[in-house]
Amino acid sequence: MLSFGKRSLRGLALSLALSVAPAAVYAQAPSDAEVLANYADLALAGYEDSLSTAKALEAAVDALIANPSEETLNAAREAWKAARIPYQQTEAFRFGNPIVDEWEGRVNAWPLDEGLIDYVAAAYGTESDSNALYVANVIATPKITVDGSEVDATEITPALLQDELQEAAGVESNVATGYHAIEFLLWGQDLNGTGPGAGDRPFTDYSTAEHADRRAAYLKAATSLLVSDLEEMVGNWQADGAARAALPELGLSAILTGMGSLSFGELAGERMKLGLLLHDPEEEHDCFSDNTHVSHLEDAQGIENVYLGKYVRTDGSVVEGPSLSDVIATRDAALDTEIKGLLADTLAKMQAMADRAEAGEAYDQQIGEGNDEGNAVVQAAIDGLIAQTRGIERAVALLELDGVTIEDSDSLSNPDAVFQ
């Protein structure tokens, strides 16, 4: 197995390049600038769709707060699920673009210690050695203490969430903002383990329950902040945006770093293999809603999007243009065909996993201990991600690129460490 570290792959690229027979150039390759311009257009479209669906989510949340009912709660949940589809496809832009990577934690950080935000079941526990705010319950507590200083949470605002609570006390699991904080407020805890069922927060949490007004204020602040954060990222990919402006220096390495890191360390490792090794339902990305199968599938779709230079928008229109695939094809048509096949194979395996979930066996059940068939379905998707990462490595070698990094994961490279 190839060793993937968070390091330059220059040496690997050069060694592999020696074993790759030169292929005849059969077509005019697009320039790097043309490929990067289309890549930026894909990013802009993806974040615009993420923003529009987040605004629809905000409207659904407003309706829930104004008139709490089963109907308005379910509508807000469906709006949240719809918002995840375009956003997850943008994750392929993360690791290769520092502006995106530094911002991402504000909107998609996980896992979270939900006791920071609201009430939790007794089984959650009352304390944590690593997090003094494990059960701070901001919704029920107008004043909390962070690192010895009192924080006034009397008024729950976007600024409070972002500036005072997000990663409070330097603890990454103190996630106060983004999709997953909103998810928790819409579904509540999933207390079913690896049995059937997602979270089941009652709509009365926003009407007759204790602290209903503060809970509504938190949900409103979190959705408003999500919209403003996505507006910022849309701006970063406009013609005069900072992320687009950074691309000429980053070059094609940005695309390959994003593809490889999301495929290997992040998705195959941290989001999938870790949970499978532990058979732990807490190790799933959309754990409150049982929507993880959708998030993983859309991540894989996003990786294929940036390779092919094509994105299908939420309205059905298509953004496409010169691509990394075009560049590879002019150097080594067989390798381009191989990579496209690997990406398609991963998507097929992710779809099989998603179909299983839609048929009634959620992702957290599929990774459950003793579910050999479900485990095998998840492992097949992981294997697909690893295989496509090796194809990405061969593309790096072919192009002899400096600066490409692939995020690693102990779950894949040193699984014994997971149990220590």
Foldseek 3Di string as FASTA:
>chain_A
DDDAAQDKCLVVLQVLLVVDDWDAQDDDADDLLFLLLLLLVLLLQLLVLLLVLLVVLLVLLVVCLVPQDPVSLVSSVVSLLSSLQSVLLNLLLAPLFPVNVVLVLQAQQDDALLLLAADADCVSDDDDPQDRSSNVHCLVDQWDAAPNDIDGNVQPALCCQPPDQCCTNVNNRSRLAHSQVLLCLSFNQQPQQLDFDFRHDHSCCCPPDPSNVSSSSSNSRRSVNNSVSSVLSSQLSPPPHVRSVCDVVSTPLSSLLSLQQCLACNQLFQQFLLCLVVLGLSSHRNSRSLSRLSSSLSNLVSNLCQQQSWDQHPVRDMRGDRHVLSVVCSGPVVLSVVLNVLSVQLNVLSVVLVVVVVVGRGLSNLSHPPNVVSSVSSVSSSVSSVVSSVSSSNSCSSVSDTDRHHHHHCSPVPVVVSVD
